[in-house]
Amino acid sequence: MRQVTRALGVMVLAGVIALTGAAPPAVAGLDGDRFRVTTRSVSDHFNDVGPRGPSDGDSFSFSENLFSKGDRVGRDNGACTVTRAKKNAVTAHCVVTLELRGRGLITIQGPLTFKRGAGSPDTTLAITGGTRQYAGAAGSVQVVEKRNQPTRLQVRLTS
């Protein structure tokens, strides 16, 4: 159970991905309509409300620091609710806010599927809005996970 909880937390953390603070404008890689950040977990919590182990209605929350080219550029915070739990996979609907230092917020949401024992496939979530520099944002965030590597979020803004 601890491994599944951690895997869910890690995926969502990536997932989805948190950016706030006061990064200088010189932070490379965050300008333009496409950029990439990596995540590092700060905290996560799994709330098991049904039968023991992942089941419909369970939830988890997380917070991560975000990095671009080695510099901390913000954080993310998210919450996910399990909507489908099967023997070999768990799907959760997630809502995540990326807080980018000195730039604003980007909100994202969508389903994430975690395959037990096999890691998680790359997932694309929708950008549903933003503030300040990202006011009216739309687009997508691809969550890329590779074993023993930080989760990578590839942000693509379309407006």
C-alpha atoms as a PDB file:
ATOM      1  CA  MET A   1       0.000   0.000   0.000  1.00  0.00           C
ATOM      2  CA  ARG A   2       2.818   2.389   0.848  1.00  0.00           C
ATOM      3  CA  GLN A   3       4.323   1.858  -2.617  1.00  0.00           C
ATOM      4  CA  VAL A   4       0.990   2.502  -4.338  1.00  0.00           C
ATOM      5  CA  THR A   5       0.453   5.609  -2.199  1.00  0.00           C
ATOM      6  CA  ARG A   6       3.932   6.861  -3.012  1.00  0.00           C
ATOM      7  CA  ALA A   7       3.498   6.064  -6.719  1.00  0.00           C
ATOM      8  CA  LEU A   8       0.191   7.941  -6.780  1.00  0.00           C
ATOM      9  CA  GLY A   9       1.722  10.865  -4.959  1.00  0.00           C
ATOM     10  CA  VAL A  10       4.765  10.955  -7.198  1.00  0.00           C
ATOM     11  CA  MET A  11       2.707  10.786 -10.374  1.00  0.00           C
ATOM     12  CA  VAL A  12       0.349  13.470  -9.264  1.00  0.00           C
ATOM     13  CA  LEU A  13       3.190  15.557  -7.968  1.00  0.00           C
ATOM     14  CA  ALA A  14       4.550  15.465 -11.375  1.00  0.00           C
ATOM     15  CA  GLY A  15       1.336  15.772 -12.535  1.00  0.00           C
ATOM     16  CA  VAL A  16       0.713  17.604 -12.498  1.00  0.00           C
ATOM     17  CA  ILE A  17       2.140  19.435 -11.603  1.00  0.00           C
ATOM     18  CA  ALA A  18       3.636  24.036  -8.410  1.00  0.00           C
ATOM     19  CA  LEU A  19       5.340  27.275  -9.014  1.00  0.00           C
ATOM     20  CA  THR A  20       5.569  30.361  -6.698  1.00  0.00           C
ATOM     21  CA  GLY A  21       8.119  32.711  -5.378  1.00  0.00           C
ATOM     22  CA  ALA A  22      10.393  35.432  -6.654  1.00  0.00           C
ATOM     23  CA  ALA A  23      12.565  34.055  -9.411  1.00  0.00           C
ATOM     24  CA  PRO A  24      14.585  36.621 -11.289  1.00  0.00           C
ATOM     25  CA  PRO A  25      13.564  37.286 -14.888  1.00  0.00           C
ATOM     26  CA  ALA A  26      16.869  35.721 -15.962  1.00  0.00           C
ATOM     27  CA  VAL A  27      15.715  32.202 -15.063  1.00  0.00           C
ATOM     28  CA  ALA A  28      16.218  30.387 -18.332  1.00  0.00           C
ATOM     29  CA  GLY A  29      13.587  28.143 -19.808  1.00  0.00           C
ATOM     30  CA  LEU A  30      10.358  29.752 -18.549  1.00  0.00           C
ATOM     31  CA  ASP A  31       9.842  32.345 -21.253  1.00  0.00           C
ATOM     32  CA  GLY A  32       7.659  31.721 -24.269  1.00  0.00           C
ATOM     33  CA  ASP A  33       4.689  29.445 -24.797  1.00  0.00           C
ATOM     34  CA  ARG A  34       6.566  26.178 -24.116  1.00  0.00           C
ATOM     35  CA  PHE A  35       8.723  25.331 -21.148  1.00  0.00           C
ATOM     36  CA  ARG A  36       9.751  22.375 -19.024  1.00  0.00           C
ATOM     37  CA  VAL A  37      10.115  21.985 -15.256  1.00  0.00           C
ATOM     38  CA  THR A  38      11.045  19.067 -13.030  1.00  0.00           C
ATOM     39  CA  THR A  39       9.460  18.316  -9.669  1.00  0.00           C
ATOM     40  CA  ARG A  40      10.775  17.443  -6.236  1.00  0.00           C
ATOM     41  CA  SER A  41       8.299  16.247  -3.607  1.00  0.00           C
ATOM     42  CA  VAL A  42       7.772  18.354  -0.495  1.00  0.00           C
ATOM     43  CA  SER A  43       4.789  16.508   0.977  1.00  0.00           C
ATOM     44  CA  ASP A  44       2.041  14.059   0.085  1.00  0.00           C
ATOM     45  CA  HIS A  45      -0.881  12.468   1.897  1.00  0.00           C
ATOM     46  CA  PHE A  46      -3.140   9.547   0.932  1.00  0.00           C
ATOM     47  CA  ASN A  47      -6.646   9.388   2.443  1.00  0.00           C
ATOM     48  CA  ASP A  48      -7.950   5.787   2.337  1.00  0.00           C
ATOM     49  CA  VAL A  49     -11.732   6.032   2.884  1.00  0.00           C
ATOM     50  CA  GLY A  50     -13.017   2.764   1.440  1.00  0.00           C
ATOM     51  CA  PRO A  51     -11.695  -0.760   1.586  1.00  0.00           C
ATOM     52  CA  ARG A  52      -8.011  -1.030   2.431  1.00  0.00           C
ATOM     53  CA  GLY A  53      -5.883   0.007  -0.533  1.00  0.00           C
ATOM     54  CA  PRO A  54      -6.837   2.266  -3.437  1.00  0.00           C
ATOM     55  CA  SER A  55     -10.584   2.332  -4.075  1.00  0.00           C
ATOM     56  CA  ASP A  56     -13.127   4.739  -5.559  1.00  0.00           C
ATOM     57  CA  GLY A  57     -13.433   7.872  -3.423  1.00  0.00           C
ATOM     58  CA  ASP A  58      -9.933   7.701  -1.925  1.00  0.00           C
ATOM     59  CA  SER A  59      -7.953  10.905  -2.322  1.00  0.00           C
ATOM     60  CA  PHE A  60      -4.452  12.216  -2.112  1.00  0.00           C
ATOM     61  CA  SER A  61      -2.861  15.630  -1.969  1.00  0.00           C
ATOM     62  CA  PHE A  62       0.667  16.777  -2.654  1.00  0.00           C
ATOM     63  CA  SER A  63       3.058  19.682  -2.867  1.00  0.00           C
ATOM     64  CA  GLU A  64       6.266  19.849  -4.895  1.00  0.00           C
ATOM     65  CA  ASN A  65       9.019  22.316  -5.657  1.00  0.00           C
ATOM     66  CA  LEU A  66       9.556  23.081  -9.342  1.00  0.00           C
ATOM     67  CA  PHE A  67      12.927  23.471 -11.034  1.00  0.00           C
ATOM     68  CA  SER A  68      14.134  24.686 -14.424  1.00  0.00           C
ATOM     69  CA  LYS A  69      17.768  24.130 -15.412  1.00  0.00           C
ATOM     70  CA  GLY A  70      18.663  23.547 -11.762  1.00  0.00           C
ATOM     71  CA  ASP A  71      17.035  26.730 -10.431  1.00  0.00           C
ATOM     72  CA  ARG A  72      13.946  26.622  -8.225  1.00  0.00           C
ATOM     73  CA  VAL A  73      11.217  28.460 -10.146  1.00  0.00           C
ATOM     74  CA  GLY A  74       8.122  27.740  -8.057  1.00  0.00           C
ATOM     75  CA  ARG A  75       5.952  25.005  -6.645  1.00  0.00           C
ATOM     76  CA  ASP A  76       2.808  23.021  -7.319  1.00  0.00           C
ATOM     77  CA  ASN A  77      -0.041  21.909  -5.117  1.00  0.00           C
ATOM     78  CA  GLY A  78      -2.622  19.346  -6.099  1.00  0.00           C
ATOM     79  CA  ALA A  79      -5.433  17.095  -5.013  1.00  0.00           C
ATOM     80  CA  CYS A  80      -6.695  13.941  -6.696  1.00  0.00           C
ATOM     81  CA  THR A  81      -9.727  11.730  -6.153  1.00  0.00           C
ATOM     82  CA  VAL A  82      -9.683   8.074  -7.190  1.00  0.00           C
ATOM     83  CA  THR A  83     -12.481   7.544  -9.714  1.00  0.00           C
ATOM     84  CA  ARG A  84     -11.688   4.013 -10.864  1.00  0.00           C
ATOM     85  CA  ALA A  85      -9.715   1.357  -9.014  1.00  0.00           C
ATOM     86  CA  LYS A  86      -9.057  -1.930 -10.748  1.00  0.00           C
ATOM     87  CA  LYS A  87      -6.756  -4.805  -9.917  1.00  0.00           C
ATOM     88  CA  ASN A  88      -3.893  -3.539 -12.099  1.00  0.00           C
ATOM     89  CA  ALA A  89      -4.569   0.194 -12.446  1.00  0.00           C
ATOM     90  CA  VAL A  90      -5.945   3.170 -10.564  1.00  0.00           C
ATOM     91  CA  THR A  91      -7.362   6.297 -12.230  1.00  0.00           C
ATOM     92  CA  ALA A  92      -7.718   9.565 -10.336  1.00  0.00           C
ATOM     93  CA  HIS A  93      -9.059  12.961 -11.377  1.00  0.00           C
ATOM     94  CA  CYS A  94      -6.550  15.643 -10.377  1.00  0.00           C
ATOM     95  CA  VAL A  95      -6.623  19.413 -10.005  1.00  0.00           C
ATOM     96  CA  VAL A  96      -3.217  21.077  -9.723  1.00  0.00           C
ATOM     97  CA  THR A  97      -2.008  24.660  -9.447  1.00  0.00           C
ATOM     98  CA  LEU A  98       1.450  25.594 -10.678  1.00  0.00           C
ATOM     99  CA  GLU A  99       2.797  28.685  -8.935  1.00  0.00           C
ATOM    100  CA  LEU A 100       5.566  30.261 -11.022  1.00  0.00           C
ATOM    101  CA  ARG A 101       7.725  32.779  -9.180  1.00  0.00           C
ATOM    102  CA  GLY A 102       7.115  36.323 -10.307  1.00  0.00           C
ATOM    103  CA  ARG A 103       4.893  35.175 -13.175  1.00  0.00           C
ATOM    104  CA  GLY A 104       1.571  33.887 -11.827  1.00  0.00           C
ATOM    105  CA  LEU A 105      -0.483  30.727 -11.514  1.00  0.00           C
ATOM    106  CA  ILE A 106      -1.411  28.046 -14.041  1.00  0.00           C
ATOM    107  CA  THR A 107      -4.286  25.682 -13.215  1.00  0.00           C
ATOM    108  CA  ILE A 108      -4.431  22.203 -14.709  1.00  0.00           C
ATOM    109  CA  GLN A 109      -6.738  19.226 -14.383  1.00  0.00           C
ATOM    110  CA  GLY A 110      -7.550  15.826 -15.772  1.00  0.00           C
ATOM    111  CA  PRO A 111      -7.341  12.086 -15.186  1.00  0.00           C
ATOM    112  CA  LEU A 112      -4.120  10.297 -14.266  1.00  0.00           C
ATOM    113  CA  THR A 113      -3.824   6.513 -14.501  1.00  0.00           C
ATOM    114  CA  PHE A 114      -1.296   4.603 -12.408  1.00  0.00           C
ATOM    115  CA  LYS A 115      -0.439   1.060 -13.469  1.00  0.00           C
ATOM    116  CA  ARG A 116       0.560  -1.122 -10.545  1.00  0.00           C
ATOM    117  CA  GLY A 117       4.089  -2.414 -10.759  1.00  0.00           C
ATOM    118  CA  ALA A 118       4.677  -0.873 -14.184  1.00  0.00           C
ATOM    119  CA  GLY A 119       4.993   2.811 -13.439  1.00  0.00           C
ATOM    120  CA  SER A 120       2.777   5.374 -15.069  1.00  0.00           C
ATOM    121  CA  PRO A 121       2.483   6.207 -18.756  1.00  0.00           C
ATOM    122  CA  ASP A 122       3.012   9.793 -19.915  1.00  0.00           C
ATOM    123  CA  THR A 123      -0.214  11.726 -19.410  1.00  0.00           C
ATOM    124  CA  THR A 124      -1.453  15.020 -20.848  1.00  0.00           C
ATOM    125  CA  LEU A 125      -3.606  17.286 -18.675  1.00  0.00           C
ATOM    126  CA  ALA A 126      -5.561  20.400 -19.690  1.00  0.00           C
ATOM    127  CA  ILE A 127      -4.544  23.916 -18.713  1.00  0.00           C
ATOM    128  CA  THR A 128      -7.798  25.466 -17.480  1.00  0.00           C
ATOM    129  CA  GLY A 129      -6.703  29.006 -16.640  1.00  0.00           C
ATOM    130  CA  GLY A 130      -4.193  31.212 -14.929  1.00  0.00           C
ATOM    131  CA  THR A 131      -3.375  34.562 -13.367  1.00  0.00           C
ATOM    132  CA  ARG A 132      -1.077  37.525 -14.085  1.00  0.00           C
ATOM    133  CA  GLN A 133       1.242  36.578 -16.972  1.00  0.00           C
ATOM    134  CA  TYR A 134      -0.907  33.471 -17.533  1.00  0.00           C
ATOM    135  CA  ALA A 135      -4.354  35.156 -17.335  1.00  0.00           C
ATOM    136  CA  GLY A 136      -6.749  33.330 -19.669  1.00  0.00           C
ATOM    137  CA  ALA A 137      -4.230  30.534 -20.221  1.00  0.00           C
ATOM    138  CA  ALA A 138      -5.151  27.442 -22.216  1.00  0.00           C
ATOM    139  CA  GLY A 139      -3.090  24.541 -23.464  1.00  0.00           C
ATOM    140  CA  SER A 140      -1.710  21.342 -22.002  1.00  0.00           C
ATOM    141  CA  VAL A 141       0.825  19.914 -19.581  1.00  0.00           C
ATOM    142  CA  GLN A 142       2.452  16.599 -20.386  1.00  0.00           C
ATOM    143  CA  VAL A 143       3.526  14.659 -17.289  1.00  0.00           C
ATOM    144  CA  VAL A 144       6.567  12.503 -18.063  1.00  0.00           C
ATOM    145  CA  GLU A 145       7.782   9.950 -15.536  1.00  0.00           C
ATOM    146  CA  LYS A 146      10.797   7.734 -15.899  1.00  0.00           C
ATOM    147  CA  ARG A 147      11.941   5.312 -13.233  1.00  0.00           C
ATOM    148  CA  ASN A 148      14.523   6.818 -10.834  1.00  0.00           C
ATOM    149  CA  GLN A 149      14.274  10.283 -12.415  1.00  0.00           C
ATOM    150  CA  PRO A 150      12.421  13.429 -11.355  1.00  0.00           C
ATOM    151  CA  THR A 151       8.993  13.878 -12.890  1.00  0.00           C
ATOM    152  CA  ARG A 152       9.066  16.302 -15.812  1.00  0.00           C
ATOM    153  CA  LEU A 153       6.215  18.669 -16.701  1.00  0.00           C
ATOM    154  CA  GLN A 154       6.182  19.971 -20.278  1.00  0.00           C
ATOM    155  CA  VAL A 155       3.947  23.047 -20.438  1.00  0.00           C
ATOM    156  CA  ARG A 156       2.451  24.123 -23.790  1.00  0.00           C
ATOM    157  CA  LEU A 157       0.450  27.356 -23.737  1.00  0.00           C
ATOM    158  CA  THR A 158      -1.899  28.035 -26.655  1.00  0.00           C
ATOM    159  CA  SER A 159      -3.293  31.380 -25.503  1.00  0.00           C
END
